[in-house]
């Protein structure tokens, strides 16, 4: 014979099955979010405790040698044993080697290096920090970037509009045979073509000032 609490629970399951299903679904989702947040927090705390050595370079993807052993490419994160000393050499084709010494520590160490090309010049590239967030080591000219974006958007709309008119005039010509429709079609095609050319110019301007070495 079932006890009263068990009978009550079974009755609730039968009469409120959908509501209970939603409740348990929400409960599982909340638990999953909580566990994920705790895990991320634990990882962040661990990263503060672990004595990483972070080496980054401009430009990136340079080979990092620690005591003549290739450890990887920049940006590179590794652990150098406490109190141990290492000779680090950064190598990248077309650039002068950069060498320095590191001593192990019980806290995070970071070394940012700007490589010099064999011609003696320093080039500007987008780089990433230890979190993988990319940035430029020289301020962008946002005014020119915005101008290029506006030109690209306006000319793109114009190209679509006039090419649509040209198609409509072409359809009208096949229906009516009116030669004026062909004249209008040619005019709209010309304007649409010019708009496409301006679009490409605006896009090139925007990309140049966004990613170029300026």
N, C-alpha and C. Protein backbone atom coordinates (compact mmCIF):
# COMPACT_ATOMS: atom_id res chain seq x y z
N UNK A 1 0.86 -1.20 0.00
CA UNK A 1 0.00 0.00 0.00
C UNK A 1 0.90 1.24 0.00
N UNK A 2 0.58 2.16 -0.89
CA UNK A 2 1.41 3.36 -1.02
C UNK A 2 1.16 4.33 0.11
N UNK A 3 2.22 5.00 0.55
CA UNK A 3 2.10 6.00 1.60
C UNK A 3 1.45 7.26 1.02
N UNK A 4 0.75 8.05 1.84
CA UNK A 4 0.08 9.27 1.35
C UNK A 4 0.99 10.23 0.59
N UNK A 5 2.22 10.51 1.03
CA UNK A 5 3.08 11.44 0.26
C UNK A 5 3.39 10.94 -1.14
N UNK A 6 3.55 9.59 -1.26
CA UNK A 6 3.84 9.03 -2.57
C UNK A 6 2.62 9.14 -3.47
N UNK A 7 1.43 8.88 -2.89
CA UNK A 7 0.19 9.02 -3.66
C UNK A 7 0.02 10.46 -4.14
N UNK A 8 0.30 11.41 -3.26
CA UNK A 8 0.17 12.82 -3.63
C UNK A 8 1.12 13.18 -4.76
N UNK A 9 2.37 12.68 -4.69
CA UNK A 9 3.36 12.96 -5.75
C UNK A 9 2.91 12.38 -7.09
N UNK A 10 2.38 11.15 -7.09
CA UNK A 10 1.90 10.52 -8.33
C UNK A 10 0.72 11.31 -8.91
N UNK A 11 -0.18 11.78 -8.03
CA UNK A 11 -1.33 12.57 -8.50
C UNK A 11 -0.86 13.87 -9.15
N UNK A 12 0.16 14.49 -8.53
CA UNK A 12 0.69 15.72 -9.12
C UNK A 12 1.30 15.46 -10.50
N UNK A 13 1.99 14.32 -10.63
CA UNK A 13 2.59 13.98 -11.93
C UNK A 13 1.53 13.80 -13.00
N UNK A 14 0.40 13.16 -12.63
CA UNK A 14 -0.66 12.90 -13.61
C UNK A 14 -1.41 14.17 -14.00
N UNK A 15 -1.69 15.02 -13.02
CA UNK A 15 -2.52 16.19 -13.27
C UNK A 15 -1.74 17.40 -13.78
N UNK A 16 -0.46 17.44 -13.47
CA UNK A 16 0.33 18.63 -13.87
C UNK A 16 1.60 18.19 -14.59
N UNK A 17 1.46 17.24 -15.46
CA UNK A 17 2.63 16.67 -16.14
C UNK A 17 3.39 17.72 -16.95
N UNK A 18 2.63 18.52 -17.73
CA UNK A 18 3.29 19.53 -18.58
C UNK A 18 4.01 20.57 -17.74
N UNK A 19 3.36 21.06 -16.68
CA UNK A 19 3.98 22.08 -15.84
C UNK A 19 5.23 21.56 -15.14
N UNK A 20 5.14 20.31 -14.65
CA UNK A 20 6.30 19.72 -13.99
C UNK A 20 7.44 19.51 -14.97
N UNK A 21 7.10 19.13 -16.21
CA UNK A 21 8.15 18.96 -17.23
C UNK A 21 8.87 20.27 -17.49
N UNK A 22 8.10 21.36 -17.61
CA UNK A 22 8.71 22.68 -17.81
C UNK A 22 9.56 23.06 -16.61
N UNK A 23 9.04 22.75 -15.40
CA UNK A 23 9.77 23.11 -14.19
C UNK A 23 11.13 22.41 -14.15
N UNK A 24 11.12 21.10 -14.40
CA UNK A 24 12.38 20.35 -14.36
C UNK A 24 13.32 20.78 -15.48
N UNK A 25 12.74 21.15 -16.65
CA UNK A 25 13.58 21.64 -17.75
C UNK A 25 14.29 22.92 -17.35
N UNK A 26 13.54 23.87 -16.77
CA UNK A 26 14.14 25.12 -16.31
C UNK A 26 15.17 24.86 -15.22
N UNK A 27 14.85 23.90 -14.33
CA UNK A 27 15.78 23.58 -13.25
C UNK A 27 17.11 23.06 -13.80
N UNK A 28 17.02 22.19 -14.82
CA UNK A 28 18.23 21.64 -15.43
C UNK A 28 19.03 22.73 -16.12
N UNK A 29 18.33 23.65 -16.83
CA UNK A 29 19.02 24.75 -17.51
C UNK A 29 19.73 25.66 -16.52
N UNK A 30 19.05 25.98 -15.42
CA UNK A 30 19.65 26.84 -14.41
C UNK A 30 20.88 26.18 -13.80
N UNK A 31 20.76 24.87 -13.53
CA UNK A 31 21.90 24.13 -12.97
C UNK A 31 23.07 24.12 -13.94
N UNK A 32 22.77 23.94 -15.26
CA UNK A 32 23.84 23.91 -16.26
C UNK A 32 24.55 25.25 -16.33
N UNK A 33 23.78 26.35 -16.32
CA UNK A 33 24.38 27.69 -16.37
C UNK A 33 25.24 27.93 -15.13
N UNK A 34 24.74 27.51 -13.97
CA UNK A 34 25.49 27.69 -12.73
C UNK A 34 26.81 26.93 -12.75
N UNK A 35 26.75 25.68 -13.22
CA UNK A 35 27.96 24.87 -13.29
C UNK A 35 28.97 25.47 -14.26
N UNK A 36 28.47 25.95 -15.43
CA UNK A 36 29.37 26.57 -16.41
C UNK A 36 30.03 27.82 -15.86
N UNK A 37 29.25 28.63 -15.13
CA UNK A 37 29.79 29.85 -14.55
C UNK A 37 30.85 29.53 -13.51
N UNK A 38 30.59 28.51 -12.68
CA UNK A 38 31.57 28.12 -11.67
C UNK A 38 32.85 27.60 -12.32
N UNK A 39 32.68 26.84 -13.42
CA UNK A 39 33.84 26.30 -14.12
C UNK A 39 34.69 27.41 -14.71
N UNK A 40 34.01 28.41 -15.37
CA UNK A 40 34.75 29.53 -15.95
C UNK A 40 35.46 30.34 -14.88
N UNK A 41 34.79 30.53 -13.73
CA UNK A 41 35.40 31.27 -12.64
C UNK A 41 36.61 30.54 -12.09
N UNK A 42 36.49 29.21 -12.01
CA UNK A 42 37.61 28.42 -11.53
C UNK A 42 38.80 28.51 -12.48
N UNK A 43 38.51 28.51 -13.81
CA UNK A 43 39.59 28.62 -14.78
C UNK A 43 40.28 29.96 -14.68
N UNK A 44 39.47 31.04 -14.51
CA UNK A 44 40.05 32.37 -14.37
C UNK A 44 40.95 32.44 -13.14
N UNK A 45 40.46 31.87 -12.02
CA UNK A 45 41.25 31.90 -10.80
C UNK A 45 42.53 31.10 -10.97
N UNK A 46 42.45 29.95 -11.67
CA UNK A 46 43.63 29.13 -11.90
C UNK A 46 44.66 29.87 -12.73
N UNK A 47 44.17 30.62 -13.76
CA UNK A 47 45.08 31.34 -14.64
C UNK A 47 45.82 32.44 -13.89
N UNK A 48 45.21 32.95 -12.79
CA UNK A 48 45.88 33.96 -12.00
C UNK A 48 46.95 33.33 -11.10
N UNK A 49 46.75 32.06 -10.74
CA UNK A 49 47.68 31.39 -9.85
C UNK A 49 48.87 30.81 -10.62
N UNK A 50 48.62 30.24 -11.78
CA UNK A 50 49.68 29.58 -12.55
C UNK A 50 50.66 30.63 -13.06
N UNK A 51 51.94 30.48 -12.83
CA UNK A 51 52.95 31.48 -13.23
C UNK A 51 53.30 31.39 -14.71
N UNK A 52 52.37 31.82 -15.56
CA UNK A 52 52.62 31.80 -17.00
C UNK A 52 53.67 32.84 -17.39
N UNK A 53 54.38 32.53 -18.46
CA UNK A 53 55.22 33.51 -19.14
C UNK A 53 54.62 33.73 -20.52
N UNK A 54 54.27 34.97 -20.84
CA UNK A 54 53.60 35.29 -22.10
C UNK A 54 54.56 36.10 -22.96
N UNK A 55 54.79 35.62 -24.16
CA UNK A 55 55.66 36.32 -25.11
C UNK A 55 54.84 36.64 -26.36
N UNK A 56 54.80 37.92 -26.71
CA UNK A 56 54.07 38.36 -27.90
C UNK A 56 55.00 39.20 -28.77
N UNK A 57 54.72 39.25 -30.05
CA UNK A 57 55.59 40.01 -30.95
C UNK A 57 54.76 40.70 -32.01
N UNK A 58 55.35 41.74 -32.56
CA UNK A 58 54.78 42.44 -33.70
C UNK A 58 55.81 42.45 -34.82
N UNK A 59 55.54 41.76 -35.97
CA UNK A 59 54.36 40.95 -36.26
C UNK A 59 54.37 39.63 -35.50
N UNK A 60 53.22 38.97 -35.51
CA UNK A 60 53.09 37.72 -34.78
C UNK A 60 53.51 36.52 -35.63
N UNK A 61 53.29 35.33 -35.07
CA UNK A 61 53.66 34.06 -35.72
C UNK A 61 55.17 33.90 -35.88
N UNK A 62 55.91 34.53 -34.96
CA UNK A 62 57.36 34.36 -34.95
C UNK A 62 57.71 33.14 -34.09
N UNK A 63 58.76 32.42 -34.48
CA UNK A 63 59.20 31.24 -33.73
C UNK A 63 59.86 31.66 -32.42
N UNK A 64 59.51 30.94 -31.35
CA UNK A 64 60.09 31.23 -30.03
C UNK A 64 60.95 30.04 -29.61
N UNK A 65 62.24 30.29 -29.43
CA UNK A 65 63.18 29.26 -28.98
C UNK A 65 63.56 29.55 -27.52
N UNK A 66 63.38 28.56 -26.66
CA UNK A 66 63.78 28.68 -25.26
C UNK A 66 64.90 27.68 -25.02
N UNK A 67 66.08 28.21 -24.73
CA UNK A 67 67.28 27.37 -24.58
C UNK A 67 67.47 26.47 -25.80
N UNK A 68 67.35 27.10 -26.99
CA UNK A 68 67.55 26.44 -28.28
C UNK A 68 66.47 25.40 -28.61
N UNK A 69 65.39 25.37 -27.85
CA UNK A 69 64.29 24.44 -28.12
C UNK A 69 63.07 25.24 -28.60
N UNK A 70 62.52 24.84 -29.78
CA UNK A 70 61.37 25.54 -30.33
C UNK A 70 60.13 25.25 -29.47
N UNK A 71 59.56 26.32 -28.89
CA UNK A 71 58.39 26.16 -28.03
C UNK A 71 57.07 26.43 -28.74
N UNK A 72 57.13 27.20 -29.84
CA UNK A 72 55.90 27.54 -30.55
C UNK A 72 56.03 28.90 -31.21
N UNK A 73 54.90 29.48 -31.57
CA UNK A 73 54.87 30.78 -32.24
C UNK A 73 54.17 31.81 -31.37
N UNK A 74 54.54 33.07 -31.59
CA UNK A 74 53.89 34.15 -30.84
C UNK A 74 52.49 34.39 -31.37
N UNK A 75 51.53 34.76 -30.48
CA UNK A 75 51.68 34.89 -29.04
C UNK A 75 51.77 33.53 -28.36
N UNK A 76 52.70 33.39 -27.44
CA UNK A 76 52.99 32.10 -26.81
C UNK A 76 52.87 32.23 -25.30
N UNK A 77 52.22 31.23 -24.70
CA UNK A 77 52.10 31.16 -23.24
C UNK A 77 52.70 29.84 -22.77
N UNK A 78 53.64 29.91 -21.86
CA UNK A 78 54.25 28.70 -21.33
C UNK A 78 54.67 28.95 -19.88
N UNK A 79 55.09 27.89 -19.23
CA UNK A 79 55.49 28.00 -17.83
C UNK A 79 56.99 27.79 -17.72
N UNK A 80 57.65 28.73 -17.08
CA UNK A 80 59.09 28.64 -16.83
C UNK A 80 59.27 28.34 -15.35
N UNK A 81 59.95 27.25 -15.05
CA UNK A 81 60.10 26.80 -13.66
C UNK A 81 60.71 27.90 -12.80
N UNK A 82 60.20 27.96 -11.59
CA UNK A 82 60.64 28.98 -10.64
C UNK A 82 62.16 28.92 -10.44
N UNK A 83 62.78 30.10 -10.48
CA UNK A 83 64.21 30.30 -10.24
C UNK A 83 65.10 29.82 -11.39
N UNK A 84 64.52 29.16 -12.40
CA UNK A 84 65.35 28.74 -13.53
C UNK A 84 65.51 29.90 -14.51
N UNK A 85 66.65 29.92 -15.18
CA UNK A 85 66.93 30.99 -16.14
C UNK A 85 66.97 30.41 -17.54
N UNK A 86 66.42 31.15 -18.49
CA UNK A 86 66.36 30.67 -19.87
C UNK A 86 66.76 31.77 -20.83
N UNK A 87 67.36 31.36 -21.95
CA UNK A 87 67.69 32.29 -23.03
C UNK A 87 66.64 32.12 -24.11
N UNK A 88 65.98 33.21 -24.44
CA UNK A 88 64.88 33.19 -25.40
C UNK A 88 65.31 33.91 -26.67
N UNK A 89 65.03 33.29 -27.81
CA UNK A 89 65.34 33.90 -29.10
C UNK A 89 64.07 33.89 -29.94
N UNK A 90 63.72 35.05 -30.50
CA UNK A 90 62.55 35.20 -31.37
C UNK A 90 63.05 35.30 -32.80
N UNK A 91 62.53 34.43 -33.68
CA UNK A 91 62.98 34.41 -35.07
C UNK A 91 61.78 34.49 -36.01
N UNK A 92 61.91 35.32 -37.03
CA UNK A 92 60.90 35.44 -38.07
C UNK A 92 61.59 35.79 -39.39
N UNK A 93 61.22 35.10 -40.44
CA UNK A 93 61.85 35.32 -41.74
C UNK A 93 61.69 36.78 -42.17
N UNK A 94 62.80 37.38 -42.58
CA UNK A 94 62.79 38.77 -43.03
C UNK A 94 63.03 39.76 -41.91
N UNK A 95 63.19 39.27 -40.67
CA UNK A 95 63.38 40.15 -39.52
C UNK A 95 64.63 39.73 -38.74
N UNK A 96 65.19 40.70 -38.03
CA UNK A 96 66.35 40.42 -37.20
C UNK A 96 65.94 39.59 -36.00
N UNK A 97 66.81 38.65 -35.60
CA UNK A 97 66.55 37.85 -34.40
C UNK A 97 66.55 38.76 -33.17
N UNK A 98 65.69 38.42 -32.22
CA UNK A 98 65.61 39.18 -30.97
C UNK A 98 65.83 38.20 -29.83
N UNK A 99 66.84 38.44 -28.99
CA UNK A 99 67.15 37.51 -27.90
C UNK A 99 67.14 38.25 -26.57
N UNK A 100 66.79 37.53 -25.53
CA UNK A 100 66.79 38.08 -24.18
C UNK A 100 66.78 36.93 -23.19
N UNK A 101 66.99 37.24 -21.92
CA UNK A 101 67.01 36.23 -20.87
C UNK A 101 65.78 36.37 -19.98
N UNK A 102 65.28 35.23 -19.49
CA UNK A 102 64.14 35.20 -18.59
C UNK A 102 64.50 34.38 -17.36
N UNK A 103 63.98 34.79 -16.23
CA UNK A 103 64.14 34.03 -15.00
C UNK A 103 62.77 33.61 -14.51
N UNK A 104 62.63 32.37 -14.08
CA UNK A 104 61.36 31.88 -13.60
C UNK A 104 60.81 32.71 -12.45
N UNK A 105 59.49 32.76 -12.34
CA UNK A 105 58.84 33.57 -11.32
C UNK A 105 57.58 32.85 -10.85
N UNK A 106 57.11 33.23 -9.67
CA UNK A 106 55.86 32.65 -9.17
C UNK A 106 54.65 33.49 -9.53
N UNK A 107 54.83 34.45 -10.44
CA UNK A 107 53.73 35.29 -10.91
C UNK A 107 53.81 35.41 -12.43
N UNK A 108 52.74 35.91 -13.02
CA UNK A 108 52.67 36.03 -14.48
C UNK A 108 53.70 37.03 -14.99
N UNK A 109 54.40 36.66 -16.06
CA UNK A 109 55.35 37.55 -16.72
C UNK A 109 54.93 37.75 -18.17
N UNK A 110 55.14 38.95 -18.67
CA UNK A 110 54.76 39.24 -20.06
C UNK A 110 55.89 40.02 -20.74
N UNK A 111 56.16 39.63 -22.00
CA UNK A 111 57.19 40.29 -22.78
C UNK A 111 56.62 40.61 -24.16
N UNK A 112 56.51 41.91 -24.49
CA UNK A 112 56.03 42.35 -25.80
C UNK A 112 57.21 42.86 -26.61
N UNK A 113 57.34 42.35 -27.83
CA UNK A 113 58.52 42.63 -28.65
C UNK A 113 58.07 43.16 -30.01
N UNK A 114 58.73 44.20 -30.47
CA UNK A 114 58.53 44.71 -31.82
C UNK A 114 59.74 44.35 -32.65
N UNK A 115 59.55 43.47 -33.63
CA UNK A 115 60.66 43.02 -34.46
C UNK A 115 61.02 44.05 -35.51
N UNK A 116 62.28 44.11 -35.83
CA UNK A 116 62.77 45.06 -36.83
C UNK A 116 63.15 44.27 -38.08
N UNK A 117 62.66 44.73 -39.22
CA UNK A 117 62.97 44.03 -40.47
C UNK A 117 64.44 44.19 -40.80
N UNK A 118 64.93 43.32 -41.66
CA UNK A 118 66.35 43.36 -42.01
C UNK A 118 66.72 44.62 -42.77
N UNK A 119 65.69 45.35 -43.26
CA UNK A 119 65.95 46.64 -43.91
C UNK A 119 66.05 47.76 -42.88
N UNK A 120 65.77 47.43 -41.62
CA UNK A 120 65.91 48.42 -40.55
C UNK A 120 64.64 49.17 -40.23
N UNK A 121 63.50 48.77 -40.78
CA UNK A 121 62.24 49.47 -40.54
C UNK A 121 61.34 48.64 -39.64
N UNK A 122 60.45 49.35 -38.95
CA UNK A 122 59.44 48.70 -38.11
C UNK A 122 58.11 48.79 -38.83
N UNK A 123 57.47 47.66 -39.04
CA UNK A 123 56.18 47.63 -39.73
C UNK A 123 55.05 47.48 -38.72
N UNK A 124 53.88 48.03 -39.07
CA UNK A 124 52.72 47.97 -38.19
C UNK A 124 51.75 46.89 -38.65
N UNK A 125 51.37 46.01 -37.75
CA UNK A 125 50.46 44.93 -38.07
C UNK A 125 49.41 44.83 -36.97
N UNK A 126 48.24 44.27 -37.30
CA UNK A 126 47.30 43.95 -36.23
C UNK A 126 47.85 42.80 -35.41
N UNK A 127 47.78 42.93 -34.09
CA UNK A 127 48.30 41.89 -33.20
C UNK A 127 47.22 41.48 -32.22
N UNK A 128 47.46 40.42 -31.46
CA UNK A 128 46.49 39.94 -30.49
C UNK A 128 47.15 39.86 -29.13
N UNK A 129 46.37 40.15 -28.08
CA UNK A 129 46.91 40.00 -26.74
C UNK A 129 46.76 38.56 -26.28
N UNK A 130 47.07 38.29 -25.00
CA UNK A 130 47.07 36.92 -24.53
C UNK A 130 45.68 36.30 -24.52
N UNK A 131 44.63 37.12 -24.58
CA UNK A 131 43.27 36.60 -24.62
C UNK A 131 42.77 36.39 -26.04
N UNK A 132 43.62 36.64 -27.03
CA UNK A 132 43.23 36.45 -28.42
C UNK A 132 42.49 37.63 -29.02
N UNK A 133 42.37 38.75 -28.28
CA UNK A 133 41.67 39.93 -28.80
C UNK A 133 42.63 40.70 -29.69
N UNK A 134 42.22 40.90 -30.95
CA UNK A 134 43.11 41.55 -31.91
C UNK A 134 42.96 43.07 -31.85
N UNK A 135 44.06 43.73 -32.00
CA UNK A 135 44.07 45.18 -32.03
C UNK A 135 45.22 45.65 -32.90
N UNK A 136 45.22 46.96 -33.23
CA UNK A 136 46.30 47.53 -34.04
C UNK A 136 47.26 48.27 -33.12
N UNK A 137 48.53 48.18 -33.44
CA UNK A 137 49.50 48.89 -32.62
C UNK A 137 49.66 50.34 -33.08
N UNK A 138 48.85 50.78 -34.00
CA UNK A 138 48.83 52.17 -34.43
C UNK A 138 47.38 52.59 -34.61
N UNK A 139 46.95 53.78 -34.12
CA UNK A 139 45.54 54.17 -34.22
C UNK A 139 45.06 54.21 -35.67
N UNK A 140 43.84 53.73 -35.88
CA UNK A 140 43.23 53.77 -37.21
C UNK A 140 42.65 55.16 -37.49
N UNK A 141 42.57 55.53 -38.75
CA UNK A 141 41.98 56.81 -39.16
C UNK A 141 40.49 56.57 -39.39
N UNK A 142 39.73 56.65 -38.30
CA UNK A 142 38.32 56.26 -38.35
C UNK A 142 37.49 57.18 -39.23
N UNK A 143 37.91 58.42 -39.41
CA UNK A 143 37.16 59.33 -40.29
C UNK A 143 37.13 58.82 -41.73
N UNK A 144 38.29 58.40 -42.23
CA UNK A 144 38.38 57.86 -43.59
C UNK A 144 37.67 56.51 -43.68
N UNK A 145 37.75 55.73 -42.62
CA UNK A 145 37.06 54.44 -42.62
C UNK A 145 35.55 54.65 -42.69
N UNK A 146 35.04 55.60 -41.89
CA UNK A 146 33.61 55.89 -41.91
C UNK A 146 33.17 56.44 -43.27
N UNK A 147 34.00 57.32 -43.85
CA UNK A 147 33.69 57.87 -45.16
C UNK A 147 33.61 56.77 -46.22
N UNK A 148 34.59 55.85 -46.19
CA UNK A 148 34.56 54.73 -47.12
C UNK A 148 33.33 53.87 -46.93
N UNK A 149 32.92 53.68 -45.67
CA UNK A 149 31.73 52.88 -45.40
C UNK A 149 30.47 53.54 -45.93
N UNK A 150 30.36 54.85 -45.74
CA UNK A 150 29.19 55.58 -46.24
C UNK A 150 29.13 55.53 -47.77
N UNK A 151 30.27 55.77 -48.42
CA UNK A 151 30.31 55.71 -49.89
C UNK A 151 29.92 54.33 -50.37
N UNK A 152 30.42 53.29 -49.71
CA UNK A 152 30.09 51.92 -50.10
C UNK A 152 28.60 51.65 -49.98
N UNK A 153 28.00 52.08 -48.86
CA UNK A 153 26.58 51.83 -48.63
C UNK A 153 25.70 52.58 -49.63
N UNK A 154 25.98 53.88 -49.81
CA UNK A 154 25.15 54.70 -50.71
C UNK A 154 25.27 54.23 -52.15
N UNK A 155 26.48 53.97 -52.60
CA UNK A 155 26.67 53.53 -53.99
C UNK A 155 26.09 52.14 -54.21
N UNK A 156 26.13 51.29 -53.19
CA UNK A 156 25.52 49.97 -53.31
C UNK A 156 24.02 50.06 -53.49
N UNK A 157 23.38 50.94 -52.71
CA UNK A 157 21.93 51.15 -52.85
C UNK A 157 21.61 51.72 -54.23
N UNK A 158 22.43 52.68 -54.68
CA UNK A 158 22.20 53.30 -55.99
C UNK A 158 22.36 52.27 -57.11
N UNK A 159 23.39 51.42 -57.00
CA UNK A 159 23.61 50.40 -58.03
C UNK A 159 22.42 49.45 -58.12
N UNK A 160 21.91 49.03 -56.96
CA UNK A 160 20.75 48.13 -56.94
C UNK A 160 19.52 48.81 -57.54
N UNK A 161 19.32 50.08 -57.17
CA UNK A 161 18.13 50.81 -57.64
C UNK A 161 18.15 50.99 -59.15
N UNK A 162 19.26 51.47 -59.70
CA UNK A 162 19.29 51.75 -61.14
C UNK A 162 19.35 50.47 -61.97
N UNK A 163 19.97 49.42 -61.46
CA UNK A 163 19.93 48.15 -62.18
C UNK A 163 18.53 47.56 -62.20
N UNK A 164 17.77 47.78 -61.12
CA UNK A 164 16.37 47.35 -61.10
C UNK A 164 15.54 48.11 -62.13
N UNK A 165 15.78 49.45 -62.22
CA UNK A 165 15.07 50.25 -63.22
C UNK A 165 15.42 49.79 -64.63
N UNK A 166 16.68 49.44 -64.86
CA UNK A 166 17.09 48.98 -66.19
C UNK A 166 16.36 47.69 -66.56
N UNK A 167 16.22 46.78 -65.61
CA UNK A 167 15.51 45.53 -65.87
C UNK A 167 14.04 45.79 -66.17
N UNK A 168 13.43 46.73 -65.44
CA UNK A 168 12.03 47.07 -65.69
C UNK A 168 11.84 47.67 -67.08
N UNK A 169 12.75 48.55 -67.47
CA UNK A 169 12.66 49.16 -68.81
C UNK A 169 12.85 48.08 -69.89
N UNK A 170 13.71 47.14 -69.65
CA UNK A 170 13.91 46.05 -70.60
C UNK A 170 12.63 45.22 -70.75
N UNK A 171 11.96 44.95 -69.64
CA UNK A 171 10.70 44.20 -69.69
C UNK A 171 9.62 44.99 -70.42
N UNK A 172 9.60 46.33 -70.16
CA UNK A 172 8.61 47.17 -70.85
C UNK A 172 8.83 47.17 -72.36
N UNK A 173 10.09 47.16 -72.77
CA UNK A 173 10.37 47.17 -74.22
C UNK A 173 9.83 45.90 -74.88
N UNK A 174 10.00 44.75 -74.23
CA UNK A 174 9.50 43.51 -74.82
C UNK A 174 7.98 43.47 -74.86
N UNK A 175 7.34 44.23 -73.97
CA UNK A 175 5.87 44.26 -73.95
C UNK A 175 5.31 45.27 -74.95
N UNK A 176 5.96 46.43 -75.06
CA UNK A 176 5.40 47.52 -75.87
C UNK A 176 6.16 47.77 -77.17
N UNK A 177 7.47 47.41 -77.19
CA UNK A 177 8.28 47.69 -78.37
C UNK A 177 8.67 49.15 -78.48
N UNK A 178 8.48 49.94 -77.42
CA UNK A 178 8.79 51.36 -77.43
C UNK A 178 10.30 51.55 -77.35
N UNK A 179 10.93 52.20 -78.38
CA UNK A 179 12.39 52.39 -78.36
C UNK A 179 12.87 53.27 -77.22
N UNK A 180 11.97 54.12 -76.67
CA UNK A 180 12.38 54.96 -75.53
C UNK A 180 12.76 54.10 -74.32
N UNK A 181 12.12 52.94 -74.23
CA UNK A 181 12.45 52.06 -73.11
C UNK A 181 13.89 51.56 -73.21
N UNK A 182 14.35 51.29 -74.43
CA UNK A 182 15.74 50.87 -74.60
C UNK A 182 16.71 51.99 -74.24
N UNK A 183 16.34 53.23 -74.60
CA UNK A 183 17.18 54.38 -74.27
C UNK A 183 17.30 54.54 -72.76
N UNK A 184 16.14 54.43 -72.09
CA UNK A 184 16.15 54.54 -70.63
C UNK A 184 16.94 53.40 -69.99
N UNK A 185 16.80 52.20 -70.57
CA UNK A 185 17.54 51.05 -70.05
C UNK A 185 19.04 51.30 -70.12
N UNK A 186 19.52 51.82 -71.26
CA UNK A 186 20.95 52.09 -71.41
C UNK A 186 21.43 53.14 -70.41
N UNK A 187 20.61 54.15 -70.18
CA UNK A 187 20.97 55.21 -69.24
C UNK A 187 21.09 54.65 -67.82
N UNK A 188 20.09 53.83 -67.44
CA UNK A 188 20.11 53.26 -66.09
C UNK A 188 21.26 52.26 -65.92
N UNK A 189 21.56 51.51 -66.98
CA UNK A 189 22.70 50.59 -66.91
C UNK A 189 24.01 51.34 -66.70
N UNK A 190 24.14 52.50 -67.36
CA UNK A 190 25.35 53.30 -67.22
C UNK A 190 25.49 53.82 -65.79
N UNK A 191 24.38 54.36 -65.26
CA UNK A 191 24.42 54.90 -63.90
C UNK A 191 24.71 53.77 -62.90
N UNK A 192 24.09 52.61 -63.14
CA UNK A 192 24.32 51.47 -62.26
C UNK A 192 25.77 51.01 -62.31
N UNK A 193 26.36 51.01 -63.51
CA UNK A 193 27.76 50.63 -63.63
C UNK A 193 28.69 51.59 -62.91
N UNK A 194 28.40 52.90 -63.04
CA UNK A 194 29.20 53.90 -62.33
C UNK A 194 29.06 53.72 -60.82
N UNK A 195 27.83 53.40 -60.37
CA UNK A 195 27.60 53.19 -58.94
C UNK A 195 28.40 52.00 -58.42
N UNK A 196 28.49 50.95 -59.22
CA UNK A 196 29.28 49.77 -58.81
C UNK A 196 30.76 50.15 -58.70
N UNK A 197 31.24 50.96 -59.64
CA UNK A 197 32.65 51.38 -59.60
C UNK A 197 32.92 52.22 -58.35
N UNK A 198 31.98 53.13 -58.02
CA UNK A 198 32.13 53.95 -56.81
C UNK A 198 32.08 53.08 -55.57
N UNK A 199 31.21 52.06 -55.59
CA UNK A 199 31.12 51.11 -54.47
C UNK A 199 32.47 50.45 -54.23
N UNK A 200 33.10 49.99 -55.30
CA UNK A 200 34.40 49.33 -55.17
C UNK A 200 35.46 50.29 -54.63
N UNK A 201 35.40 51.54 -55.08
CA UNK A 201 36.35 52.54 -54.60
C UNK A 201 36.14 52.80 -53.11
N UNK A 202 34.87 52.94 -52.69
CA UNK A 202 34.58 53.17 -51.28
C UNK A 202 35.00 52.01 -50.41
N UNK A 203 34.76 50.79 -50.90
CA UNK A 203 35.15 49.60 -50.15
C UNK A 203 36.67 49.50 -50.03
N UNK A 204 37.37 49.80 -51.13
CA UNK A 204 38.83 49.76 -51.11
C UNK A 204 39.39 50.80 -50.13
N UNK A 205 38.77 51.99 -50.10
CA UNK A 205 39.21 53.03 -49.18
C UNK A 205 39.03 52.59 -47.74
N UNK A 206 37.86 52.02 -47.45
CA UNK A 206 37.57 51.57 -46.10
C UNK A 206 38.55 50.48 -45.65
N UNK A 207 38.81 49.50 -46.52
CA UNK A 207 39.71 48.41 -46.17
C UNK A 207 41.16 48.89 -46.02
N UNK A 208 41.54 49.84 -46.87
CA UNK A 208 42.92 50.35 -46.81
C UNK A 208 43.19 51.02 -45.48
N UNK A 209 42.28 51.92 -45.06
CA UNK A 209 42.51 52.65 -43.82
C UNK A 209 42.22 51.78 -42.60
N UNK A 210 41.51 50.67 -42.77
CA UNK A 210 41.25 49.78 -41.64
C UNK A 210 42.39 48.80 -41.42
N UNK A 211 42.90 48.23 -42.51
CA UNK A 211 43.92 47.18 -42.38
C UNK A 211 45.29 47.57 -42.90
N UNK A 212 45.37 48.70 -43.63
CA UNK A 212 46.64 49.07 -44.23
C UNK A 212 47.62 49.64 -43.22
N UNK A 213 48.84 49.71 -43.62
CA UNK A 213 49.92 50.26 -42.79
C UNK A 213 49.96 51.77 -43.01
N UNK A 214 49.06 52.50 -42.35
CA UNK A 214 48.95 53.95 -42.56
C UNK A 214 49.09 54.70 -41.26
